[in-house]
């Protein structure tokens, strides 16, 4: 019993650590364009996130977090995307995974456009 509890707490802790990293990546993507000091980190994060999304269609941080959550609580059901899972838990509206993926891809492409505009402006 004690071993199961420790195992569960370990997986919950790992899921929460991945969630914290995921939130940091999201914050970089939202605010990074406006900070000169972190502009290089924003650029690398944006290109990596967009490239991974276009190549695979999913986020590895979401997969890792949900894998840890399923290991901690096999009975829970998790969504396909980070935003749809947490929106379902917190909001009265329940967006579908396709809606969330489309909005995320649109945001990433718009961010890439703004990045290119800023680079042109800086030149």
Foldseek 3Di string as FASTA:
>chain_A
DVVLVVLLVVLLVQLVVLVVVVVVLVCCCVCVVPDPVCVVVSVVSLVVVLVCCVVPVADVSQVSNVVSNCSNPVPDDAARHPVQRVCVVPPPDRDHPVVVSVVVNVSSVVSVVVSVVVVVVVD
